[in-house]
C-alpha atoms as a PDB file:
ATOM      1  CA  MET A   1     319.313 -48.356  97.070  1.00  0.00           C
ATOM      2  CA  ARG A   2     317.606 -51.379  95.904  1.00  0.00           C
ATOM      3  CA  ALA A   3     314.462 -50.135  97.264  1.00  0.00           C
ATOM      4  CA  ARG A   4     315.244 -46.127  95.145  1.00  0.00           C
ATOM      5  CA  VAL A   5     315.888 -48.731  91.756  1.00  0.00           C
ATOM      6  CA  VAL A   6     312.926 -50.697  92.885  1.00  0.00           C
ATOM      7  CA  GLY A   7     310.835 -47.715  92.736  1.00  0.00           C
ATOM      8  CA  ALA A   8     312.327 -45.830  88.939  1.00  0.00           C
ATOM      9  CA  VAL A   9     311.295 -48.673  87.761  1.00  0.00           C
ATOM     10  CA  LEU A  10     307.840 -49.210  88.461  1.00  0.00           C
ATOM     11  CA  GLY A  11     307.502 -45.724  87.945  1.00  0.00           C
ATOM     12  CA  ALA A  12     308.701 -45.929  84.674  1.00  0.00           C
ATOM     13  CA  ALA A  13     306.178 -48.846  83.742  1.00  0.00           C
ATOM     14  CA  ALA A  14     303.219 -46.790  85.426  1.00  0.00           C
ATOM     15  CA  VAL A  15     304.144 -44.658  82.696  1.00  0.00           C
ATOM     16  CA  LEU A  16     304.600 -46.833  79.746  1.00  0.00           C
ATOM     17  CA  LEU A  17     301.145 -48.539  80.813  1.00  0.00           C
ATOM     18  CA  LEU A  18     298.716 -45.817  80.778  1.00  0.00           C
ATOM     19  CA  ALA A  19     300.604 -44.641  77.657  1.00  0.00           C
ATOM     20  CA  GLY A  20     299.905 -47.381  76.059  1.00  0.00           C
ATOM     21  CA  CYS A  21     296.261 -47.812  77.284  1.00  0.00           C
ATOM     22  CA  GLY A  22     294.985 -44.560  76.469  1.00  0.00           C
ATOM     23  CA  GLY A  23     295.435 -44.748  72.526  1.00  0.00           C
ATOM     24  CA  LEU A  24     295.103 -42.160  70.346  1.00  0.00           C
ATOM     25  CA  PRO A  25     291.319 -40.678  68.784  1.00  0.00           C
ATOM     26  CA  PRO A  26     290.289 -40.944  65.529  1.00  0.00           C
ATOM     27  CA  GLY A  27     291.602 -38.498  63.068  1.00  0.00           C
ATOM     28  CA  VAL A  28     295.250 -37.897  64.844  1.00  0.00           C
ATOM     29  CA  ASP A  29     297.987 -38.629  63.823  1.00  0.00           C
ATOM     30  CA  GLY A  30     300.598 -37.520  67.107  1.00  0.00           C
ATOM     31  CA  ASN A  31     301.857 -35.118  64.279  1.00  0.00           C
ATOM     32  CA  LEU A  32     302.272 -31.973  66.117  1.00  0.00           C
ATOM     33  CA  THR A  33     302.436 -29.790  63.043  1.00  0.00           C
ATOM     34  CA  ASP A  34     300.230 -31.996  61.690  1.00  0.00           C
ATOM     35  CA  ASN A  35     302.016 -31.369  58.177  1.00  0.00           C
ATOM     36  CA  TRP A  36     301.962 -28.214  58.074  1.00  0.00           C
ATOM     37  CA  PRO A  37     305.170 -26.871  56.526  1.00  0.00           C
ATOM     38  CA  PRO A  38     307.477 -24.860  58.410  1.00  0.00           C
ATOM     39  CA  MET A  39     307.064 -20.900  59.024  1.00  0.00           C
ATOM     40  CA  PRO A  40     309.422 -19.373  56.875  1.00  0.00           C
ATOM     41  CA  PRO A  41     311.374 -16.823  58.527  1.00  0.00           C
ATOM     42  CA  ALA A  42     310.898 -12.784  58.943  1.00  0.00           C
ATOM     43  CA  THR A  43     312.256 -10.911  56.284  1.00  0.00           C
ATOM     44  CA  ILE A  44     312.580  -6.922  55.831  1.00  0.00           C
ATOM     45  CA  SER A  45     311.698  -5.301  52.586  1.00  0.00           C
ATOM     46  CA  VAL A  46     313.458  -3.288  51.033  1.00  0.00           C
ATOM     47  CA  PRO A  47     312.249  -0.624  49.736  1.00  0.00           C
ATOM     48  CA  PRO A  48     312.483  -0.973  45.076  1.00  0.00           C
ATOM     49  CA  ALA A  49     314.118   1.083  43.070  1.00  0.00           C
ATOM     50  CA  PRO A  50     314.160   2.740  40.716  1.00  0.00           C
ATOM     51  CA  ALA A  51     310.714   3.630  41.588  1.00  0.00           C
ATOM     52  CA  CYS A  52     307.791   6.366  41.493  1.00  0.00           C
ATOM     53  CA  TYR A  53     305.515   7.837  44.368  1.00  0.00           C
ATOM     54  CA  ASP A  54     303.029  10.057  44.284  1.00  0.00           C
ATOM     55  CA  VAL A  55     303.372  11.950  48.202  1.00  0.00           C
ATOM     56  CA  THR A  56     301.533  15.179  48.868  1.00  0.00           C
ATOM     57  CA  ASP A  57     304.258  16.727  50.760  1.00  0.00           C
ATOM     58  CA  PRO A  58     307.193  14.648  50.402  1.00  0.00           C
ATOM     59  CA  GLN A  59     310.239  15.357  53.154  1.00  0.00           C
ATOM     60  CA  PRO A  60     313.589  13.741  53.727  1.00  0.00           C
ATOM     61  CA  GLY A  61     313.722  10.829  54.899  1.00  0.00           C
ATOM     62  CA  MET A  62     310.269   9.873  55.031  1.00  0.00           C
ATOM     63  CA  THR A  63     310.464   5.979  55.454  1.00  0.00           C
ATOM     64  CA  LYS A  64     307.141   5.201  55.056  1.00  0.00           C
ATOM     65  CA  LEU A  65     305.931   5.221  51.520  1.00  0.00           C
ATOM     66  CA  PRO A  66     302.702   5.469  49.386  1.00  0.00           C
ATOM     67  CA  PRO A  67     302.208   2.244  46.605  1.00  0.00           C
ATOM     68  CA  VAL A  68     304.327   2.691  43.907  1.00  0.00           C
ATOM     69  CA  VAL A  69     302.775   4.805  40.749  1.00  0.00           C
ATOM     70  CA  ASP A  70     304.135   4.488  37.311  1.00  0.00           C
ATOM     71  CA  CYS A  71     306.925   6.680  36.475  1.00  0.00           C
ATOM     72  CA  GLY A  72     304.304   8.006  33.727  1.00  0.00           C
ATOM     73  CA  ALA A  73     302.084   8.908  35.981  1.00  0.00           C
ATOM     74  CA  SER A  74     301.965  12.480  37.811  1.00  0.00           C
ATOM     75  CA  HIS A  75     304.410  11.879  41.283  1.00  0.00           C
ATOM     76  CA  THR A  76     306.429  14.127  42.539  1.00  0.00           C
ATOM     77  CA  LEU A  77     309.375  11.592  44.446  1.00  0.00           C
ATOM     78  CA  GLU A  78     311.557   9.196  42.623  1.00  0.00           C
ATOM     79  CA  THR A  79     313.758   6.931  43.743  1.00  0.00           C
ATOM     80  CA  VAL A  80     316.898   6.463  42.014  1.00  0.00           C
ATOM     81  CA  HIS A  81     318.684   3.834  43.895  1.00  0.00           C
ATOM     82  CA  VAL A  82     318.118   1.579  46.823  1.00  0.00           C
ATOM     83  CA  GLY A  83     322.282   0.509  48.375  1.00  0.00           C
ATOM     84  CA  GLY A  84     322.708  -1.177  51.447  1.00  0.00           C
ATOM     85  CA  PHE A  85     325.258  -1.867  54.503  1.00  0.00           C
ATOM     86  CA  SER A  86     327.412  -3.991  54.925  1.00  0.00           C
ATOM     87  CA  GLY A  87     330.574  -4.881  57.517  1.00  0.00           C
ATOM     88  CA  ALA A  88     331.109  -3.058  60.098  1.00  0.00           C
ATOM     89  CA  ASP A  89     328.836  -0.244  58.909  1.00  0.00           C
ATOM     90  CA  ALA A  90     325.925  -2.829  59.157  1.00  0.00           C
ATOM     91  CA  ALA A  91     326.935  -4.364  63.159  1.00  0.00           C
ATOM     92  CA  THR A  92     325.556  -1.478  64.914  1.00  0.00           C
ATOM     93  CA  ASP A  93     322.320  -1.381  67.379  1.00  0.00           C
ATOM     94  CA  VAL A  94     321.513   1.047  65.715  1.00  0.00           C
ATOM     95  CA  PRO A  95     321.279   3.527  62.023  1.00  0.00           C
ATOM     96  CA  PRO A  96     324.970   5.636  61.505  1.00  0.00           C
ATOM     97  CA  PRO A  97     325.013   9.219  62.920  1.00  0.00           C
ATOM     98  CA  ASP A  98     323.612  12.091  60.994  1.00  0.00           C
ATOM     99  CA  GLY A  99     327.246  13.018  58.568  1.00  0.00           C
ATOM    100  CA  GLY A 100     328.876  10.318  60.083  1.00  0.00           C
ATOM    101  CA  PRO A 101     331.819   8.739  57.508  1.00  0.00           C
ATOM    102  CA  VAL A 102     329.589   5.657  57.108  1.00  0.00           C
ATOM    103  CA  GLN A 103     326.248   8.622  56.033  1.00  0.00           C
ATOM    104  CA  GLN A 104     329.111  10.086  53.780  1.00  0.00           C
ATOM    105  CA  ARG A 105     329.556   6.953  51.564  1.00  0.00           C
ATOM    106  CA  ALA A 106     325.680   6.565  51.430  1.00  0.00           C
ATOM    107  CA  TYR A 107     325.286   9.512  49.869  1.00  0.00           C
ATOM    108  CA  ALA A 108     328.783   9.771  48.071  1.00  0.00           C
ATOM    109  CA  ASP A 109     327.295   6.709  46.503  1.00  0.00           C
ATOM    110  CA  CYS A 110     323.580   8.713  46.038  1.00  0.00           C
ATOM    111  CA  THR A 111     325.309  11.723  44.689  1.00  0.00           C
ATOM    112  CA  LYS A 112     327.571   9.274  42.185  1.00  0.00           C
ATOM    113  CA  THR A 113     324.266   7.813  41.356  1.00  0.00           C
ATOM    114  CA  VAL A 114     322.402  10.744  40.609  1.00  0.00           C
ATOM    115  CA  ASP A 115     324.292  12.861  38.741  1.00  0.00           C
ATOM    116  CA  ALA A 116     324.890   9.663  36.200  1.00  0.00           C
ATOM    117  CA  LEU A 117     320.820   9.749  35.941  1.00  0.00           C
ATOM    118  CA  VAL A 118     320.224  13.306  35.365  1.00  0.00           C
ATOM    119  CA  GLY A 119     323.364  13.867  32.988  1.00  0.00           C
ATOM    120  CA  GLY A 120     325.441  15.684  35.348  1.00  0.00           C
ATOM    121  CA  ASP A 121     326.499  17.616  38.902  1.00  0.00           C
ATOM    122  CA  TRP A 122     322.534  17.570  39.960  1.00  0.00           C
ATOM    123  CA  ARG A 123     323.051  20.671  42.596  1.00  0.00           C
ATOM    124  CA  THR A 124     323.160  22.707  38.520  1.00  0.00           C
ATOM    125  CA  GLY A 125     319.877  22.174  37.921  1.00  0.00           C
ATOM    126  CA  ARG A 126     316.038  22.206  40.131  1.00  0.00           C
ATOM    127  CA  ILE A 127     316.861  19.044  41.538  1.00  0.00           C
ATOM    128  CA  GLY A 128     316.712  18.266  45.590  1.00  0.00           C
ATOM    129  CA  LEU A 129     319.348  14.667  46.530  1.00  0.00           C
ATOM    130  CA  ASP A 130     317.485  13.135  49.747  1.00  0.00           C
ATOM    131  CA  LEU A 131     319.275  10.273  51.365  1.00  0.00           C
ATOM    132  CA  THR A 132     316.621   8.390  53.529  1.00  0.00           C
ATOM    133  CA  LEU A 133     318.186   5.636  56.153  1.00  0.00           C
ATOM    134  CA  PRO A 134     315.562   2.805  57.674  1.00  0.00           C
ATOM    135  CA  SER A 135     314.402   4.413  60.827  1.00  0.00           C
ATOM    136  CA  PRO A 136     315.520   3.152  64.249  1.00  0.00           C
ATOM    137  CA  ALA A 137     312.561   0.834  64.733  1.00  0.00           C
ATOM    138  CA  GLN A 138     313.702  -0.845  61.280  1.00  0.00           C
ATOM    139  CA  TRP A 139     317.526  -1.029  61.913  1.00  0.00           C
ATOM    140  CA  GLU A 140     316.354  -2.215  65.183  1.00  0.00           C
ATOM    141  CA  ALA A 141     314.716  -5.263  63.341  1.00  0.00           C
ATOM    142  CA  GLY A 142     317.371  -6.406  60.445  1.00  0.00           C
ATOM    143  CA  ALA A 143     317.254  -3.099  58.274  1.00  0.00           C
ATOM    144  CA  ARG A 144     320.437  -2.432  56.618  1.00  0.00           C
ATOM    145  CA  TRP A 145     319.295  -0.116  53.114  1.00  0.00           C
ATOM    146  CA  TYR A 146     319.515   3.074  52.288  1.00  0.00           C
ATOM    147  CA  ARG A 147     317.687   5.180  49.600  1.00  0.00           C
ATOM    148  CA  CYS A 148     318.540   8.099  47.137  1.00  0.00           C
ATOM    149  CA  ASP A 149     315.542  10.078  46.421  1.00  0.00           C
ATOM    150  CA  VAL A 150     314.460  12.988  43.976  1.00  0.00           C
ATOM    151  CA  VAL A 151     312.577  15.364  43.512  1.00  0.00           C
ATOM    152  CA  GLU A 152     311.809  18.323  41.252  1.00  0.00           C
ATOM    153  CA  PHE A 153     312.045  21.897  42.834  1.00  0.00           C
ATOM    154  CA  ALA A 154     309.975  24.943  41.468  1.00  0.00           C
ATOM    155  CA  ASP A 155     312.158  27.380  42.078  1.00  0.00           C
ATOM    156  CA  LEU A 156     314.988  28.172  43.842  1.00  0.00           C
ATOM    157  CA  ASP A 157     313.183  30.767  45.924  1.00  0.00           C
ATOM    158  CA  SER A 158     310.680  28.816  47.895  1.00  0.00           C
ATOM    159  CA  TYR A 159     311.613  25.093  47.070  1.00  0.00           C
ATOM    160  CA  ALA A 160     308.024  23.894  46.551  1.00  0.00           C
ATOM    161  CA  VAL A 161     308.513  20.166  45.310  1.00  0.00           C
ATOM    162  CA  VAL A 162     306.577  20.206  41.835  1.00  0.00           C
ATOM    163  CA  GLY A 163     304.725  17.172  40.767  1.00  0.00           C
ATOM    164  CA  ARG A 164     305.577  15.309  37.237  1.00  0.00           C
ATOM    165  CA  THR A 165     305.737  13.186  34.721  1.00  0.00           C
ATOM    166  CA  GLY A 166     308.789  10.566  33.757  1.00  0.00           C
ATOM    167  CA  SER A 167     311.695   9.907  35.192  1.00  0.00           C
ATOM    168  CA  MET A 168     314.596  12.757  35.739  1.00  0.00           C
ATOM    169  CA  GLN A 169     316.731  10.694  33.416  1.00  0.00           C
ATOM    170  CA  GLY A 170     318.738  12.967  30.722  1.00  0.00           C
ATOM    171  CA  ALA A 171     317.469  16.319  33.363  1.00  0.00           C
ATOM    172  CA  LEU A 172     320.224  18.187  32.614  1.00  0.00           C
ATOM    173  CA  THR A 173     321.301  16.827  29.151  1.00  0.00           C
ATOM    174  CA  GLY A 174     320.083  18.243  25.211  1.00  0.00           C
ATOM    175  CA  PRO A 175     317.273  20.230  26.014  1.00  0.00           C
ATOM    176  CA  ARG A 176     318.185  20.109  29.950  1.00  0.00           C
ATOM    177  CA  PRO A 177     315.019  21.326  31.031  1.00  0.00           C
ATOM    178  CA  LEU A 178     315.705  21.419  34.651  1.00  0.00           C
ATOM    179  CA  ALA A 179     318.983  23.010  34.872  1.00  0.00           C
ATOM    180  CA  LEU A 180     319.519  26.452  36.143  1.00  0.00           C
ATOM    181  CA  GLY A 181     320.023  29.656  33.343  1.00  0.00           C
ATOM    182  CA  CYS A 182     318.970  33.107  33.594  1.00  0.00           C
ATOM    183  CA  PHE A 183     316.884  35.015  35.910  1.00  0.00           C
ATOM    184  CA  LYS A 184     315.682  37.988  37.097  1.00  0.00           C
ATOM    185  CA  VAL A 185     316.430  39.649  39.942  1.00  0.00           C
ATOM    186  CA  ALA A 186     314.241  41.618  42.920  1.00  0.00           C
ATOM    187  CA  ILE A 187     316.281  43.547  45.230  1.00  0.00           C
ATOM    188  CA  LYS A 188     314.431  44.812  48.517  1.00  0.00           C
ATOM    189  CA  GLY A 189     316.815  46.595  50.972  1.00  0.00           C
ATOM    190  CA  GLU A 190     319.479  44.800  50.834  1.00  0.00           C
ATOM    191  CA  ASP A 191     318.170  41.436  50.233  1.00  0.00           C
ATOM    192  CA  ILE A 192     317.138  39.503  47.296  1.00  0.00           C
ATOM    193  CA  ASP A 193     313.256  39.865  47.251  1.00  0.00           C
ATOM    194  CA  THR A 194     312.403  38.016  44.253  1.00  0.00           C
ATOM    195  CA  MET A 195     314.711  35.624  41.794  1.00  0.00           C
ATOM    196  CA  VAL A 196     312.912  34.036  38.762  1.00  0.00           C
ATOM    197  CA  ALA A 197     313.911  32.074  36.423  1.00  0.00           C
ATOM    198  CA  THR A 198     313.721  33.450  32.999  1.00  0.00           C
ATOM    199  CA  ASP A 199     314.922  32.186  29.342  1.00  0.00           C
ATOM    200  CA  CYS A 200     318.456  34.282  28.351  1.00  0.00           C
ATOM    201  CA  ALA A 201     316.911  35.926  25.352  1.00  0.00           C
ATOM    202  CA  ALA A 202     314.522  37.509  27.558  1.00  0.00           C
ATOM    203  CA  PRO A 203     315.118  40.554  30.182  1.00  0.00           C
ATOM    204  CA  HIS A 204     316.718  38.933  33.096  1.00  0.00           C
ATOM    205  CA  ASN A 205     320.234  40.149  35.000  1.00  0.00           C
ATOM    206  CA  SER A 206     321.772  37.039  36.501  1.00  0.00           C
ATOM    207  CA  GLU A 207     322.754  33.778  35.354  1.00  0.00           C
ATOM    208  CA  PHE A 208     324.020  30.923  36.851  1.00  0.00           C
ATOM    209  CA  ALA A 209     327.940  30.498  36.210  1.00  0.00           C
ATOM    210  CA  GLY A 210     328.468  26.736  38.151  1.00  0.00           C
ATOM    211  CA  VAL A 211     328.743  25.035  41.720  1.00  0.00           C
ATOM    212  CA  TRP A 212     331.694  26.489  43.660  1.00  0.00           C
ATOM    213  CA  ASP A 213     333.092  23.151  46.574  1.00  0.00           C
ATOM    214  CA  ALA A 214     334.425  24.385  49.467  1.00  0.00           C
ATOM    215  CA  PRO A 215     337.718  22.403  50.831  1.00  0.00           C
ATOM    216  CA  PRO A 216     337.399  19.702  53.259  1.00  0.00           C
ATOM    217  CA  GLY A 217     337.081  21.487  56.496  1.00  0.00           C
ATOM    218  CA  VAL A 218     334.312  22.390  59.403  1.00  0.00           C
ATOM    219  CA  TYR A 219     330.742  23.846  58.791  1.00  0.00           C
ATOM    220  CA  PRO A 220     331.815  27.526  59.304  1.00  0.00           C
ATOM    221  CA  ALA A 221     329.416  28.389  62.335  1.00  0.00           C
ATOM    222  CA  ASP A 222     329.422  32.140  61.602  1.00  0.00           C
ATOM    223  CA  ALA A 223     327.116  33.077  58.358  1.00  0.00           C
ATOM    224  CA  GLY A 224     329.328  36.265  57.799  1.00  0.00           C
ATOM    225  CA  GLN A 225     332.729  34.067  57.325  1.00  0.00           C
ATOM    226  CA  ARG A 226     330.453  31.361  55.137  1.00  0.00           C
ATOM    227  CA  GLN A 227     329.404  34.212  52.651  1.00  0.00           C
ATOM    228  CA  SER A 228     332.848  35.880  52.394  1.00  0.00           C
ATOM    229  CA  THR A 229     334.091  32.562  51.777  1.00  0.00           C
ATOM    230  CA  GLN A 230     331.776  31.599  49.115  1.00  0.00           C
ATOM    231  CA  LEU A 231     331.294  35.254  47.648  1.00  0.00           C
ATOM    232  CA  ASN A 232     335.740  34.436  47.236  1.00  0.00           C
ATOM    233  CA  GLY A 233     335.217  30.791  45.792  1.00  0.00           C
ATOM    234  CA  CYS A 234     332.039  31.842  43.296  1.00  0.00           C
ATOM    235  CA  ARG A 235     334.690  34.367  42.028  1.00  0.00           C
ATOM    236  CA  GLY A 236     337.046  31.872  39.712  1.00  0.00           C
ATOM    237  CA  VAL A 237     333.802  30.380  39.034  1.00  0.00           C
ATOM    238  CA  ILE A 238     332.143  32.967  37.507  1.00  0.00           C
ATOM    239  CA  ALA A 239     335.448  34.178  35.529  1.00  0.00           C
ATOM    240  CA  SER A 240     335.898  30.745  34.189  1.00  0.00           C
ATOM    241  CA  TYR A 241     332.040  30.336  32.785  1.00  0.00           C
ATOM    242  CA  THR A 242     332.556  33.999  31.282  1.00  0.00           C
ATOM    243  CA  GLY A 243     335.587  33.723  30.138  1.00  0.00           C
ATOM    244  CA  VAL A 244     337.533  36.458  31.585  1.00  0.00           C
ATOM    245  CA  PRO A 245     340.585  36.821  33.686  1.00  0.00           C
ATOM    246  CA  ASN A 246     339.953  35.647  37.052  1.00  0.00           C
ATOM    247  CA  ASP A 247     341.633  37.994  39.453  1.00  0.00           C
ATOM    248  CA  GLY A 248     341.025  41.208  40.892  1.00  0.00           C
ATOM    249  CA  MET A 249     338.781  43.086  38.814  1.00  0.00           C
ATOM    250  CA  VAL A 250     335.967  40.359  38.197  1.00  0.00           C
ATOM    251  CA  ARG A 251     334.118  42.245  40.995  1.00  0.00           C
ATOM    252  CA  TYR A 252     334.619  45.403  38.952  1.00  0.00           C
ATOM    253  CA  ARG A 253     332.967  43.741  35.946  1.00  0.00           C
ATOM    254  CA  THR A 254     329.705  41.774  37.656  1.00  0.00           C
ATOM    255  CA  GLY A 255     328.527  41.463  41.577  1.00  0.00           C
ATOM    256  CA  GLN A 256     327.278  37.752  43.149  1.00  0.00           C
ATOM    257  CA  ILE A 257     325.232  35.647  44.818  1.00  0.00           C
ATOM    258  CA  THR A 258     325.882  33.124  46.249  1.00  0.00           C
ATOM    259  CA  PHE A 259     323.777  30.187  47.906  1.00  0.00           C
ATOM    260  CA  GLY A 260     325.176  27.297  49.890  1.00  0.00           C
ATOM    261  CA  PHE A 261     323.317  24.038  50.524  1.00  0.00           C
ATOM    262  CA  GLY A 262     323.364  23.972  54.706  1.00  0.00           C
ATOM    263  CA  LYS A 263     325.049  22.147  57.538  1.00  0.00           C
ATOM    264  CA  ALA A 264     323.431  19.293  56.946  1.00  0.00           C
ATOM    265  CA  ASP A 265     325.086  18.710  53.473  1.00  0.00           C
ATOM    266  CA  TRP A 266     327.858  19.872  54.663  1.00  0.00           C
ATOM    267  CA  ASP A 267     328.013  17.374  56.858  1.00  0.00           C
ATOM    268  CA  LEU A 268     326.998  14.624  54.258  1.00  0.00           C
ATOM    269  CA  GLY A 269     330.101  15.871  52.239  1.00  0.00           C
ATOM    270  CA  ASN A 270     328.017  18.565  49.934  1.00  0.00           C
ATOM    271  CA  ARG A 271     330.433  21.361  50.712  1.00  0.00           C
ATOM    272  CA  GLY A 272     328.690  23.242  47.268  1.00  0.00           C
ATOM    273  CA  ALA A 273     327.909  26.472  47.297  1.00  0.00           C
ATOM    274  CA  ARG A 274     325.814  27.606  43.773  1.00  0.00           C
ATOM    275  CA  CYS A 275     327.176  30.734  41.539  1.00  0.00           C
ATOM    276  CA  TYR A 276     325.366  33.172  40.260  1.00  0.00           C
ATOM    277  CA  LEU A 277     326.458  37.019  38.244  1.00  0.00           C
ATOM    278  CA  TRP A 278     324.232  39.289  38.936  1.00  0.00           C
ATOM    279  CA  LEU A 279     324.502  42.947  37.569  1.00  0.00           C
ATOM    280  CA  ASP A 280     322.280  45.766  39.491  1.00  0.00           C
ATOM    281  CA  ASN A 281     322.314  48.847  36.716  1.00  0.00           C
ATOM    282  CA  LYS A 282     322.122  46.428  32.784  1.00  0.00           C
ATOM    283  CA  SER A 283     319.789  44.345  31.605  1.00  0.00           C
ATOM    284  CA  LEU A 284     320.882  41.490  29.064  1.00  0.00           C
ATOM    285  CA  THR A 285     318.947  39.602  26.928  1.00  0.00           C
ATOM    286  CA  ARG A 286     321.948  36.764  26.269  1.00  0.00           C
ATOM    287  CA  SER A 287     323.598  34.556  28.040  1.00  0.00           C
ATOM    288  CA  LEU A 288     327.240  35.891  29.409  1.00  0.00           C
ATOM    289  CA  LYS A 289     329.025  32.769  28.950  1.00  0.00           C
ATOM    290  CA  GLY A 290     332.570  32.328  27.116  1.00  0.00           C
ATOM    291  CA  ALA A 291     331.250  36.507  26.640  1.00  0.00           C
ATOM    292  CA  GLY A 292     334.709  37.125  27.969  1.00  0.00           C
ATOM    293  CA  THR A 293     336.204  40.924  28.681  1.00  0.00           C
ATOM    294  CA  ARG A 294     334.246  42.701  25.726  1.00  0.00           C
ATOM    295  CA  GLY A 295     330.948  40.963  27.348  1.00  0.00           C
ATOM    296  CA  LEU A 296     331.845  41.278  30.601  1.00  0.00           C
ATOM    297  CA  PRO A 297     333.547  44.831  31.042  1.00  0.00           C
ATOM    298  CA  VAL A 298     335.205  46.409  33.880  1.00  0.00           C
ATOM    299  CA  ASN A 299     332.238  48.501  35.051  1.00  0.00           C
ATOM    300  CA  THR A 300     333.631  51.914  35.699  1.00  0.00           C
ATOM    301  CA  ALA A 301     330.657  54.052  36.341  1.00  0.00           C
END
């Protein structure tokens, strides 16, 4: 035991001796950081909002966007709002699954914000709303934002996104430049061939009446069942819009055209269907809003 203690002491003294003999080279102060401040912790960038982007081909869910442009300049996509996940919603290792309750809450927040911006139900206009989440890699790195984007469609036939200048703020108020109105519908066989928007003072045979929302439930997988359900729901919307009784005679007053928003939107909480009245044997040059039974009589022909 004594020899071991002596040896340990001698070893320590040797180390001290070596350290004392060499000294430091000129210009070296022994500070390993050399007076540089510590690097800041890594941060995840959050998309700006409001912001506009000129994207060549906007697609839902784009996490990488070009530089921001002035909304007064030509652009194709407008970020209206950016929210953040928190609590249990943010504690997962991967982004929230499509159509799950976490995404539904984010989509509801987007809907509320966009409706307030445009001045009405965005679904009543040539407007598309997209919810974008971080990519799996961004989420793994700590990103917990979600983005609410809107685009303007040229029409609801092709759903082609068009460039515009100016924010969509107030797009469904005042002159309502993006609101759905009257249409000239051409039928080919039993299908709609074209549905061209036109001024209600010009000849037309169709008019947008509003949006019907299906009750909560599973998305109807059968196309025939979806169509039947939407037609039944839209009859009430058309009756209210035109001011006629919502009874079994509505179908003898006007035809109907309906378009749902699809399964992806349904799963997010948008169970709406756009409702249009349609007169296949008559042309109008005025709106039928509030026209009543005189303006929309029972068709006995």
